[in-house]
Amino acid sequence: MPSRLILGSAVLGTVLVLACAHAGFVPQPTPMDVERIQPVDPGLTLGEMQAGRAAYVQRCSSCHPVHGPGEYRGDQWGPLIARMQREKKLRIPEHDRVVMERYLVAFSSTAPKPPDAGVGGAGLVEGASRASVH
């Protein structure tokens, strides 16, 4: 009996790890991120970025695994959010939608990268594709 319990726990653990591995990387914003994004989104604050991340994780993960912001270009996030609102009849308060979109654009595949970001850039999960909105 104990071996079945151990085997069951191991299988469950593996399933959970694999499920989490497929969820997108949703970075916590830092003061350096605020500085990095200022040229394209002046006035965006750390508090707004944190609120945007929280709104994104809370609202989007209730229906599906969240995508890493770097999986899409900045210009794709607004239409994607609008499509989800329309098709899924989501009611997202305007303030939440705005800070969520600003956060996602700040970490998108086309956002300015820190000088040491290298080729992949911040927010992109290794092996993730730069998907397009259909």
Foldseek 3Di string as FASTA:
>chain_A
DVVVVVVVVVVVVVVVVVVVVPAFDADQDDPVLLVQQCVPPNPDDSVLLNLLSVLQCVPVVVPPRHHFLQLEALVQVLVVVVCCCVPVVDDDPPSNSVSNSVNSNSQYVHHGAPPPQPDRGPRGDVPRHSDHDD
